[in-house]
Amino acid sequence: MIFHSPKLNHSPLRPKEHKTYSTRPANQKLNLPKRNRHGAIQSHVSALFHSLLKPAKKTLNIPNQFSTIEYPYVVYLLFINQYYIMSTITLKGNEIHTSSELPTVGSQAPDFNLVKSDLSGVSLAEFAGSKLILNIFPSVDTGTCAASVRKFNQEASKLDNTKVLCVSRDLPFALGRFCGAEGIENVTTASDFVDGSFGQNYGLDIIDGPLRGLHSRCIIVLDEKGTVLYTEQVAETVDEPNYDAAMAALA
């Protein structure tokens, strides 16, 4: 069942008049007392939301008894449906979610356009012919993120035909300042601050919690043709990624 949001000239939270949107005849309305209608729907949507966290679940199935509902509830369901494919991670033990799932191993990595610390642009095409490690994190101004940049900077010089690109939504100036202070020379830093399209296309935006709008901590390894060799969505945001597994994927 697919709901199409109608065009309204008033707030969806305060309908100008009572309207019912349904794929069934208009005379078949929700068979619940009006005072209980919101609670029943909200409870069912909550159950749907948690069941849809399973990666294999790709469709939103709404039982027939909820196929006739007032407009605000349609909006509620559509909002849940927007994020029905996501990953669950934690921040200091508290559950948060990302916008989707990382690209699958064997797939072609999406192209990107990011901004380096010198304000020049950088795209995936510039790494053609070299293996690429994407070290993605919320902000270089946190201890774990900074540690990952230092670690990959140490390892990069030992890697054959491999480059490392560190990506966050920090401003390019902040990334440049950090690299200058830390003597980071073997990796490239790039910012997704312009439109956040990197995070959206790679399915790694944090969509709730204190870090909402930033990137989650991930590692993605690509081969010389941009094919995904390895991915890691770090389960606990304050933890460092599995460096050894990422390096092993390059072999």
C-alpha atoms as a PDB file:
ATOM      1  CA  MET A   1       0.000   0.000   0.000  1.00  0.00           C
ATOM      2  CA  ILE A   2       1.378   3.404  -0.950  1.00  0.00           C
ATOM      3  CA  PHE A   3       0.126   6.638   0.578  1.00  0.00           C
ATOM      4  CA  HIS A   4       0.479   9.849  -1.406  1.00  0.00           C
ATOM      5  CA  SER A   5       0.555  12.983   0.699  1.00  0.00           C
ATOM      6  CA  PRO A   6      -2.117  15.459  -0.496  1.00  0.00           C
ATOM      7  CA  LYS A   7      -1.269  19.081  -1.129  1.00  0.00           C
ATOM      8  CA  LEU A   8      -2.667  21.228   1.659  1.00  0.00           C
ATOM      9  CA  ASN A   9      -2.772  24.966   2.231  1.00  0.00           C
ATOM     10  CA  HIS A  10      -2.952  24.594   5.997  1.00  0.00           C
ATOM     11  CA  SER A  11      -1.035  22.924   8.817  1.00  0.00           C
ATOM     12  CA  PRO A  12      -1.254  19.098   8.791  1.00  0.00           C
ATOM     13  CA  LEU A  13      -1.493  19.226  12.576  1.00  0.00           C
ATOM     14  CA  ARG A  14      -4.689  21.257  12.464  1.00  0.00           C
ATOM     15  CA  PRO A  15      -6.757  20.169   9.423  1.00  0.00           C
ATOM     16  CA  LYS A  16      -9.136  22.783   8.062  1.00  0.00           C
ATOM     17  CA  GLU A  17     -11.789  20.093   7.777  1.00  0.00           C
ATOM     18  CA  HIS A  18     -12.045  16.405   8.477  1.00  0.00           C
ATOM     19  CA  LYS A  19     -10.642  14.420   5.559  1.00  0.00           C
ATOM     20  CA  THR A  20     -10.066  10.718   5.151  1.00  0.00           C
ATOM     21  CA  TYR A  21      -7.565   9.253   2.692  1.00  0.00           C
ATOM     22  CA  SER A  22      -7.907   5.597   1.849  1.00  0.00           C
ATOM     23  CA  THR A  23      -7.512   2.942  -0.781  1.00  0.00           C
ATOM     24  CA  ARG A  24     -10.856   1.534   0.399  1.00  0.00           C
ATOM     25  CA  PRO A  25     -14.369   2.981  -0.061  1.00  0.00           C
ATOM     26  CA  ALA A  26     -14.920   6.155   1.904  1.00  0.00           C
ATOM     27  CA  ASN A  27     -17.712   4.586   3.976  1.00  0.00           C
ATOM     28  CA  GLN A  28     -15.316   2.005   5.442  1.00  0.00           C
ATOM     29  CA  LYS A  29     -13.651   3.969   8.210  1.00  0.00           C
ATOM     30  CA  LEU A  30     -11.301   2.900  10.958  1.00  0.00           C
ATOM     31  CA  ASN A  31     -13.304   0.782  13.369  1.00  0.00           C
ATOM     32  CA  LEU A  32     -11.986   2.356  16.571  1.00  0.00           C
ATOM     33  CA  PRO A  33     -13.489   4.875  19.000  1.00  0.00           C
ATOM     34  CA  LYS A  34     -12.190   8.295  18.106  1.00  0.00           C
ATOM     35  CA  ARG A  35     -10.600   8.852  21.523  1.00  0.00           C
ATOM     36  CA  ASN A  36      -8.557   5.637  21.134  1.00  0.00           C
ATOM     37  CA  ARG A  37      -7.630   6.079  17.496  1.00  0.00           C
ATOM     38  CA  HIS A  38      -4.354   7.942  17.986  1.00  0.00           C
ATOM     39  CA  GLY A  39      -3.037   5.647  20.713  1.00  0.00           C
ATOM     40  CA  ALA A  40      -3.763   2.486  18.728  1.00  0.00           C
ATOM     41  CA  ILE A  41      -2.118   3.788  15.580  1.00  0.00           C
ATOM     42  CA  GLN A  42       0.854   5.211  17.452  1.00  0.00           C
ATOM     43  CA  SER A  43       1.389   1.893  19.233  1.00  0.00           C
ATOM     44  CA  HIS A  44       1.254  -0.058  15.983  1.00  0.00           C
ATOM     45  CA  VAL A  45       3.582   2.364  14.196  1.00  0.00           C
ATOM     46  CA  SER A  46       6.065   2.042  17.055  1.00  0.00           C
ATOM     47  CA  ALA A  47       6.063  -1.733  16.619  1.00  0.00           C
ATOM     48  CA  LEU A  48       6.510  -1.322  12.854  1.00  0.00           C
ATOM     49  CA  PHE A  49       9.392   1.077  13.389  1.00  0.00           C
ATOM     50  CA  HIS A  50      11.381  -1.389  15.479  1.00  0.00           C
ATOM     51  CA  SER A  51      10.650  -4.327  13.172  1.00  0.00           C
ATOM     52  CA  LEU A  52      11.825  -2.309  10.191  1.00  0.00           C
ATOM     53  CA  LEU A  53      15.288  -1.938  11.697  1.00  0.00           C
ATOM     54  CA  LYS A  54      16.016  -5.426  10.383  1.00  0.00           C
ATOM     55  CA  PRO A  55      18.196  -5.038   7.240  1.00  0.00           C
ATOM     56  CA  ALA A  56      16.221  -7.675   5.333  1.00  0.00           C
ATOM     57  CA  LYS A  57      12.958  -5.749   5.752  1.00  0.00           C
ATOM     58  CA  LYS A  58      12.546  -3.650   2.633  1.00  0.00           C
ATOM     59  CA  THR A  59       8.816  -2.858   2.567  1.00  0.00           C
ATOM     60  CA  LEU A  60       6.371  -1.213   4.920  1.00  0.00           C
ATOM     61  CA  ASN A  61       3.258  -3.358   5.304  1.00  0.00           C
ATOM     62  CA  ILE A  62       0.326  -1.566   6.896  1.00  0.00           C
ATOM     63  CA  PRO A  63      -2.500  -3.832   8.122  1.00  0.00           C
ATOM     64  CA  ASN A  64      -5.910  -3.283   6.535  1.00  0.00           C
ATOM     65  CA  GLN A  65      -7.385  -1.929   9.748  1.00  0.00           C
ATOM     66  CA  PHE A  66      -5.067   1.079   9.444  1.00  0.00           C
ATOM     67  CA  SER A  67      -5.582   1.690   5.735  1.00  0.00           C
ATOM     68  CA  THR A  68      -8.143   4.401   6.481  1.00  0.00           C
ATOM     69  CA  ILE A  69      -6.679   7.065   8.736  1.00  0.00           C
ATOM     70  CA  GLU A  70      -6.807  10.806   9.098  1.00  0.00           C
ATOM     71  CA  TYR A  71      -4.175  12.928   7.392  1.00  0.00           C
ATOM     72  CA  PRO A  72      -1.862  13.592  10.422  1.00  0.00           C
ATOM     73  CA  TYR A  73      -1.428   9.850  10.858  1.00  0.00           C
ATOM     74  CA  VAL A  74      -0.613   9.424   7.177  1.00  0.00           C
ATOM     75  CA  VAL A  75       2.200  11.939   7.673  1.00  0.00           C
ATOM     76  CA  TYR A  76       3.345   9.995  10.748  1.00  0.00           C
ATOM     77  CA  LEU A  77       3.539   6.742   8.776  1.00  0.00           C
ATOM     78  CA  LEU A  78       5.262   8.375   5.835  1.00  0.00           C
ATOM     79  CA  PHE A  79       7.885   9.831   8.179  1.00  0.00           C
ATOM     80  CA  ILE A  80       8.632   6.390   9.603  1.00  0.00           C
ATOM     81  CA  ASN A  81       8.714   4.910   6.097  1.00  0.00           C
ATOM     82  CA  GLN A  82      11.309   7.476   4.997  1.00  0.00           C
ATOM     83  CA  TYR A  83      13.847   5.912   7.341  1.00  0.00           C
ATOM     84  CA  TYR A  84      12.816   2.276   7.222  1.00  0.00           C
ATOM     85  CA  ILE A  85      16.213   1.070   5.967  1.00  0.00           C
ATOM     86  CA  MET A  86      18.770   2.119   8.535  1.00  0.00           C
ATOM     87  CA  SER A  87      21.514   0.910  10.815  1.00  0.00           C
ATOM     88  CA  THR A  88      21.372   0.974  14.597  1.00  0.00           C
ATOM     89  CA  ILE A  89      24.514   2.119  16.396  1.00  0.00           C
ATOM     90  CA  THR A  90      25.200   3.524  19.857  1.00  0.00           C
ATOM     91  CA  LEU A  91      26.729   6.645  21.357  1.00  0.00           C
ATOM     92  CA  LYS A  92      28.124   5.861  24.813  1.00  0.00           C
ATOM     93  CA  GLY A  93      25.640   3.015  25.041  1.00  0.00           C
ATOM     94  CA  ASN A  94      22.618   5.020  23.899  1.00  0.00           C
ATOM     95  CA  GLU A  95      20.924   3.797  20.719  1.00  0.00           C
ATOM     96  CA  ILE A  96      20.998   6.099  17.682  1.00  0.00           C
ATOM     97  CA  HIS A  97      20.432   5.456  13.995  1.00  0.00           C
ATOM     98  CA  THR A  98      21.965   6.161  10.605  1.00  0.00           C
ATOM     99  CA  SER A  99      20.106   7.106   7.457  1.00  0.00           C
ATOM    100  CA  SER A 100      20.615   3.814   5.635  1.00  0.00           C
ATOM    101  CA  GLU A 101      23.159   1.039   5.118  1.00  0.00           C
ATOM    102  CA  LEU A 102      26.691   1.231   3.731  1.00  0.00           C
ATOM    103  CA  PRO A 103      27.298   0.209   0.105  1.00  0.00           C
ATOM    104  CA  THR A 104      27.463  -3.563  -0.211  1.00  0.00           C
ATOM    105  CA  VAL A 105      30.739  -5.353  -0.854  1.00  0.00           C
ATOM    106  CA  GLY A 106      31.123  -5.908  -4.598  1.00  0.00           C
ATOM    107  CA  SER A 107      29.057  -2.861  -5.564  1.00  0.00           C
ATOM    108  CA  GLN A 108      30.349   0.262  -7.279  1.00  0.00           C
ATOM    109  CA  ALA A 109      30.983   3.067  -4.810  1.00  0.00           C
ATOM    110  CA  PRO A 110      28.923   6.223  -5.435  1.00  0.00           C
ATOM    111  CA  ASP A 111      30.813   9.186  -6.817  1.00  0.00           C
ATOM    112  CA  PHE A 112      31.349  12.149  -4.523  1.00  0.00           C
ATOM    113  CA  ASN A 113      32.417  15.762  -4.554  1.00  0.00           C
ATOM    114  CA  LEU A 114      34.103  16.956  -1.379  1.00  0.00           C
ATOM    115  CA  VAL A 115      36.163  19.978  -0.347  1.00  0.00           C
ATOM    116  CA  LYS A 116      39.785  19.633   0.753  1.00  0.00           C
ATOM    117  CA  SER A 117      41.437  21.815   3.388  1.00  0.00           C
ATOM    118  CA  ASP A 118      42.798  24.122   0.675  1.00  0.00           C
ATOM    119  CA  LEU A 119      39.196  24.583  -0.592  1.00  0.00           C
ATOM    120  CA  SER A 120      39.841  22.668  -3.808  1.00  0.00           C
ATOM    121  CA  GLY A 121      37.433  19.925  -4.798  1.00  0.00           C
ATOM    122  CA  VAL A 122      38.065  16.209  -4.755  1.00  0.00           C
ATOM    123  CA  SER A 123      36.037  13.408  -6.359  1.00  0.00           C
ATOM    124  CA  LEU A 124      36.192   9.636  -6.525  1.00  0.00           C
ATOM    125  CA  ALA A 125      37.498   9.823 -10.097  1.00  0.00           C
ATOM    126  CA  GLU A 126      40.750  11.342  -8.845  1.00  0.00           C
ATOM    127  CA  PHE A 127      41.625   8.070  -7.115  1.00  0.00           C
ATOM    128  CA  ALA A 128      41.126   5.868 -10.180  1.00  0.00           C
ATOM    129  CA  GLY A 129      43.978   3.369 -10.478  1.00  0.00           C
ATOM    130  CA  SER A 130      44.683   3.375  -6.737  1.00  0.00           C
ATOM    131  CA  LYS A 131      43.076   1.525  -3.883  1.00  0.00           C
ATOM    132  CA  LEU A 132      41.299   3.856  -1.506  1.00  0.00           C
ATOM    133  CA  ILE A 133      40.520   3.747   2.204  1.00  0.00           C
ATOM    134  CA  LEU A 134      37.677   6.039   3.226  1.00  0.00           C
ATOM    135  CA  ASN A 135      38.052   6.877   6.918  1.00  0.00           C
ATOM    136  CA  ILE A 136      34.738   8.521   7.857  1.00  0.00           C
ATOM    137  CA  PHE A 137      33.933  10.046  11.233  1.00  0.00           C
ATOM    138  CA  PRO A 138      31.738  12.651  13.004  1.00  0.00           C
ATOM    139  CA  SER A 139      34.363  15.314  13.772  1.00  0.00           C
ATOM    140  CA  VAL A 140      38.132  15.612  13.905  1.00  0.00           C
ATOM    141  CA  ASP A 141      37.730  17.610  17.116  1.00  0.00           C
ATOM    142  CA  THR A 142      36.909  14.462  19.081  1.00  0.00           C
ATOM    143  CA  GLY A 143      39.523  12.115  20.512  1.00  0.00           C
ATOM    144  CA  THR A 144      38.560   8.951  18.643  1.00  0.00           C
ATOM    145  CA  CYS A 145      38.265  10.693  15.287  1.00  0.00           C
ATOM    146  CA  ALA A 146      41.637  12.358  15.716  1.00  0.00           C
ATOM    147  CA  ALA A 147      43.180   9.024  16.709  1.00  0.00           C
ATOM    148  CA  SER A 148      41.891   7.364  13.526  1.00  0.00           C
ATOM    149  CA  VAL A 149      43.452  10.072  11.364  1.00  0.00           C
ATOM    150  CA  ARG A 150      46.788   9.671  13.157  1.00  0.00           C
ATOM    151  CA  LYS A 151      46.661   5.888  12.794  1.00  0.00           C
ATOM    152  CA  PHE A 152      45.956   5.927   9.088  1.00  0.00           C
ATOM    153  CA  ASN A 153      48.586   8.619   8.598  1.00  0.00           C
ATOM    154  CA  GLN A 154      51.124   6.223  10.135  1.00  0.00           C
ATOM    155  CA  GLU A 155      49.979   3.279   8.029  1.00  0.00           C
ATOM    156  CA  ALA A 156      49.517   5.084   4.717  1.00  0.00           C
ATOM    157  CA  SER A 157      53.227   5.281   3.913  1.00  0.00           C
ATOM    158  CA  LYS A 158      53.473   1.474   4.235  1.00  0.00           C
ATOM    159  CA  LEU A 159      50.623   0.732   1.835  1.00  0.00           C
ATOM    160  CA  ASP A 160      51.257  -0.159  -1.787  1.00  0.00           C
ATOM    161  CA  ASN A 161      49.271   1.818  -4.385  1.00  0.00           C
ATOM    162  CA  THR A 162      46.791   2.895  -1.707  1.00  0.00           C
ATOM    163  CA  LYS A 163      45.526   6.305  -0.659  1.00  0.00           C
ATOM    164  CA  VAL A 164      43.587   7.332   2.423  1.00  0.00           C
ATOM    165  CA  LEU A 165      40.810   9.914   2.382  1.00  0.00           C
ATOM    166  CA  CYS A 166      39.478  11.096   5.757  1.00  0.00           C
ATOM    167  CA  VAL A 167      35.938  12.474   5.498  1.00  0.00           C
ATOM    168  CA  SER A 168      33.745  14.405   7.929  1.00  0.00           C
ATOM    169  CA  ARG A 169      31.398  17.396   7.977  1.00  0.00           C
ATOM    170  CA  ASP A 170      34.005  19.567   9.703  1.00  0.00           C
ATOM    171  CA  LEU A 171      34.783  22.808   7.920  1.00  0.00           C
ATOM    172  CA  PRO A 172      37.852  22.516   5.657  1.00  0.00           C
ATOM    173  CA  PHE A 173      39.614  25.075   7.875  1.00  0.00           C
ATOM    174  CA  ALA A 174      39.253  22.850  10.936  1.00  0.00           C
ATOM    175  CA  LEU A 175      40.606  19.835   9.044  1.00  0.00           C
ATOM    176  CA  GLY A 176      43.542  21.876   7.764  1.00  0.00           C
ATOM    177  CA  ARG A 177      44.302  23.251  11.217  1.00  0.00           C
ATOM    178  CA  PHE A 178      44.312  19.751  12.726  1.00  0.00           C
ATOM    179  CA  CYS A 179      46.593  18.309  10.050  1.00  0.00           C
ATOM    180  CA  GLY A 180      48.992  21.221  10.379  1.00  0.00           C
ATOM    181  CA  ALA A 181      49.197  20.905  14.158  1.00  0.00           C
ATOM    182  CA  GLU A 182      49.585  17.115  14.058  1.00  0.00           C
ATOM    183  CA  GLY A 183      51.975  16.932  11.103  1.00  0.00           C
ATOM    184  CA  ILE A 184      49.513  14.854   9.061  1.00  0.00           C
ATOM    185  CA  GLU A 185      50.997  14.469   5.577  1.00  0.00           C
ATOM    186  CA  ASN A 186      50.204  10.970   4.326  1.00  0.00           C
ATOM    187  CA  VAL A 187      46.412  11.186   4.156  1.00  0.00           C
ATOM    188  CA  THR A 188      43.999  13.585   2.500  1.00  0.00           C
ATOM    189  CA  THR A 189      41.215  15.212   4.499  1.00  0.00           C
ATOM    190  CA  ALA A 190      37.974  16.324   2.878  1.00  0.00           C
ATOM    191  CA  SER A 191      34.767  17.928   4.065  1.00  0.00           C
ATOM    192  CA  ASP A 192      31.150  17.111   3.175  1.00  0.00           C
ATOM    193  CA  PHE A 193      29.979  20.443   4.604  1.00  0.00           C
ATOM    194  CA  VAL A 194      28.514  21.889   1.396  1.00  0.00           C
ATOM    195  CA  ASP A 195      25.422  19.716   0.996  1.00  0.00           C
ATOM    196  CA  GLY A 196      26.032  16.500   2.898  1.00  0.00           C
ATOM    197  CA  SER A 197      25.563  14.464  -0.283  1.00  0.00           C
ATOM    198  CA  PHE A 198      28.429  12.107   0.555  1.00  0.00           C
ATOM    199  CA  GLY A 199      26.756  11.009   3.770  1.00  0.00           C
ATOM    200  CA  GLN A 200      23.391  10.696   2.059  1.00  0.00           C
ATOM    201  CA  ASN A 201      24.675   8.653  -0.884  1.00  0.00           C
ATOM    202  CA  TYR A 202      26.763   6.357   1.311  1.00  0.00           C
ATOM    203  CA  GLY A 203      23.947   5.857   3.843  1.00  0.00           C
ATOM    204  CA  LEU A 204      25.936   6.898   6.905  1.00  0.00           C
ATOM    205  CA  ASP A 205      24.343  10.093   8.201  1.00  0.00           C
ATOM    206  CA  ILE A 206      23.381  10.053  11.869  1.00  0.00           C
ATOM    207  CA  ILE A 207      19.666  10.921  11.918  1.00  0.00           C
ATOM    208  CA  ASP A 208      18.947  11.263  15.643  1.00  0.00           C
ATOM    209  CA  GLY A 209      20.626  11.856  18.984  1.00  0.00           C
ATOM    210  CA  PRO A 210      23.206  14.520  19.945  1.00  0.00           C
ATOM    211  CA  LEU A 211      25.276  13.964  16.771  1.00  0.00           C
ATOM    212  CA  ARG A 212      22.343  14.220  14.375  1.00  0.00           C
ATOM    213  CA  GLY A 213      23.479  15.578  10.997  1.00  0.00           C
ATOM    214  CA  LEU A 214      27.075  14.353  11.320  1.00  0.00           C
ATOM    215  CA  HIS A 215      28.597  11.252   9.749  1.00  0.00           C
ATOM    216  CA  SER A 216      28.784   7.985  11.625  1.00  0.00           C
ATOM    217  CA  ARG A 217      32.132   6.270  12.122  1.00  0.00           C
ATOM    218  CA  CYS A 218      32.792   4.002   9.134  1.00  0.00           C
ATOM    219  CA  ILE A 219      35.556   2.470   7.085  1.00  0.00           C
ATOM    220  CA  ILE A 220      35.059   1.725   3.388  1.00  0.00           C
ATOM    221  CA  VAL A 221      37.817   0.178   1.274  1.00  0.00           C
ATOM    222  CA  LEU A 222      37.710   0.416  -2.527  1.00  0.00           C
ATOM    223  CA  ASP A 223      39.806  -1.236  -5.217  1.00  0.00           C
ATOM    224  CA  GLU A 224      41.457   0.507  -8.163  1.00  0.00           C
ATOM    225  CA  LYS A 225      38.143   0.613 -10.079  1.00  0.00           C
ATOM    226  CA  GLY A 226      36.031   1.958  -7.218  1.00  0.00           C
ATOM    227  CA  THR A 227      34.507  -1.396  -6.278  1.00  0.00           C
ATOM    228  CA  VAL A 228      33.746  -1.873  -2.584  1.00  0.00           C
ATOM    229  CA  LEU A 229      36.096  -4.431  -1.011  1.00  0.00           C
ATOM    230  CA  TYR A 230      35.272  -3.963   2.663  1.00  0.00           C
ATOM    231  CA  THR A 231      33.020  -1.909   4.938  1.00  0.00           C
ATOM    232  CA  GLU A 232      32.701  -1.390   8.662  1.00  0.00           C
ATOM    233  CA  GLN A 233      29.960   0.551  10.394  1.00  0.00           C
ATOM    234  CA  VAL A 234      31.475   0.978  13.853  1.00  0.00           C
ATOM    235  CA  ALA A 235      28.809  -0.148  16.313  1.00  0.00           C
ATOM    236  CA  GLU A 236      29.799   2.146  19.198  1.00  0.00           C
ATOM    237  CA  THR A 237      30.598   5.676  18.075  1.00  0.00           C
ATOM    238  CA  VAL A 238      33.310   6.301  20.655  1.00  0.00           C
ATOM    239  CA  ASP A 239      35.207   3.137  19.615  1.00  0.00           C
ATOM    240  CA  GLU A 240      37.959   3.122  17.007  1.00  0.00           C
ATOM    241  CA  PRO A 241      37.492   1.136  13.803  1.00  0.00           C
ATOM    242  CA  ASN A 242      39.093  -2.238  13.140  1.00  0.00           C
ATOM    243  CA  TYR A 243      42.300  -1.075  11.488  1.00  0.00           C
ATOM    244  CA  ASP A 244      43.688  -4.581  10.965  1.00  0.00           C
ATOM    245  CA  ALA A 245      40.576  -5.749   9.091  1.00  0.00           C
ATOM    246  CA  ALA A 246      40.706  -2.705   6.829  1.00  0.00           C
ATOM    247  CA  MET A 247      44.367  -3.301   6.016  1.00  0.00           C
ATOM    248  CA  ALA A 248      43.726  -6.995   5.386  1.00  0.00           C
ATOM    249  CA  ALA A 249      41.069  -6.115   2.814  1.00  0.00           C
ATOM    250  CA  LEU A 250      43.777  -4.506   0.670  1.00  0.00           C
ATOM    251  CA  ALA A 251      45.704  -7.753   0.263  1.00  0.00           C
END
